[in-house]
């Protein structure tokens, strides 16, 4: 996924991270990016990306499902209609 160069100038890194996570999840059937993918996507270090994920957790914007998997709060992903679950 390409980084967004059209993000508003006054957007905080935390807001940019959440926006990137949401766009990534939309493009990848609900899967969220790793900290490395997030770092590359918003052009920060991997350590900074990890910090931003902790910040999003503190703000209750994401919830951790496992030690390495998280989801965006109040989001859903529905399977395609041709797949019976």
Protein backbone atom coordinates (compact mmCIF):
# COMPACT_ATOMS: atom_id res chain seq x y z
CA UNK A 1 0.00 0.00 0.00
CA UNK A 2 1.40 3.37 -0.97
CA UNK A 3 1.92 6.08 1.66
CA UNK A 4 -0.49 8.96 1.52
CA UNK A 5 1.10 12.26 0.62
CA UNK A 6 -2.21 14.13 0.73
CA UNK A 7 -2.73 13.91 4.51
CA UNK A 8 -3.67 17.25 6.07
CA UNK A 9 -0.67 19.24 7.29
CA UNK A 10 -2.00 19.61 10.84
CA UNK A 11 -2.80 15.90 11.27
CA UNK A 12 -0.99 14.32 14.22
CA UNK A 13 1.10 11.19 13.76
CA UNK A 14 -1.42 9.29 15.88
CA UNK A 15 -4.24 10.36 13.55
CA UNK A 16 -2.12 9.48 10.52
CA UNK A 17 -1.44 6.04 12.01
CA UNK A 18 -5.13 5.37 12.61
CA UNK A 19 -6.02 6.55 9.12
CA UNK A 20 -3.35 4.31 7.59
CA UNK A 21 -4.48 1.31 9.65
CA UNK A 22 -8.08 1.82 8.53
CA UNK A 23 -7.14 2.23 4.86
CA UNK A 24 -4.88 -0.81 5.05
CA UNK A 25 -7.61 -2.92 6.66
CA UNK A 26 -10.08 -1.81 3.99
CA UNK A 27 -7.67 -2.87 1.24
CA UNK A 28 -6.72 -6.17 2.95
CA UNK A 29 -10.09 -7.69 3.94
CA UNK A 30 -9.89 -6.48 7.54
CA UNK A 31 -6.27 -7.44 8.23
CA UNK A 32 -4.28 -4.74 10.00
CA UNK A 33 -0.67 -3.80 9.20
CA UNK A 34 2.31 -4.94 11.22
CA UNK A 35 4.33 -2.28 12.97
CA UNK A 36 6.90 -2.53 10.15
CA UNK A 37 4.22 -2.01 7.51
CA UNK A 38 2.75 0.88 9.49
CA UNK A 39 6.21 2.43 9.84
CA UNK A 40 6.82 2.24 6.10
CA UNK A 41 3.32 3.50 5.33
CA UNK A 42 3.55 6.68 7.36
CA UNK A 43 7.32 7.09 7.06
CA UNK A 44 8.39 6.70 10.69
CA UNK A 45 10.74 4.29 12.44
CA UNK A 46 9.44 0.90 13.53
CA UNK A 47 9.93 1.95 17.15
CA UNK A 48 7.82 5.06 16.58
CA UNK A 49 5.13 2.93 14.88
CA UNK A 50 5.05 0.64 17.93
CA UNK A 51 4.67 3.69 20.16
CA UNK A 52 1.81 4.96 17.99
CA UNK A 53 0.06 1.58 18.31
CA UNK A 54 0.40 1.84 22.11
CA UNK A 55 -0.99 5.37 21.91
CA UNK A 56 -3.97 4.17 19.82
CA UNK A 57 -4.55 1.46 22.43
CA UNK A 58 -4.54 4.04 25.24
CA UNK A 59 -7.01 6.16 23.27
CA UNK A 60 -9.19 3.05 22.80
CA UNK A 61 -8.97 3.28 19.02
CA UNK A 62 -7.59 -0.26 18.66
CA UNK A 63 -7.94 -3.46 20.70
CA UNK A 64 -5.37 -6.24 20.79
CA UNK A 65 -6.75 -9.66 19.89
CA UNK A 66 -3.47 -11.49 20.51
CA UNK A 67 0.06 -10.35 21.34
CA UNK A 68 0.68 -9.41 17.70
CA UNK A 69 -2.80 -8.94 16.20
CA UNK A 70 -5.08 -5.99 16.75
CA UNK A 71 -8.33 -4.61 15.37
CA UNK A 72 -9.82 -1.16 15.02
CA UNK A 73 -12.57 -0.50 17.57
CA UNK A 74 -16.08 -0.28 16.09
CA UNK A 75 -15.04 -1.78 12.76
CA UNK A 76 -16.26 -4.90 11.04
CA UNK A 77 -15.31 -6.95 8.05
CA UNK A 78 -17.91 -8.97 6.19
CA UNK A 79 -16.98 -11.87 3.94
CA UNK A 80 -17.93 -11.67 0.29
CA UNK A 81 -21.50 -12.76 -0.48
CA UNK A 82 -20.33 -15.78 -2.53
CA UNK A 83 -18.62 -17.30 0.53
CA UNK A 84 -20.84 -19.25 2.87
CA UNK A 85 -19.77 -19.13 6.50
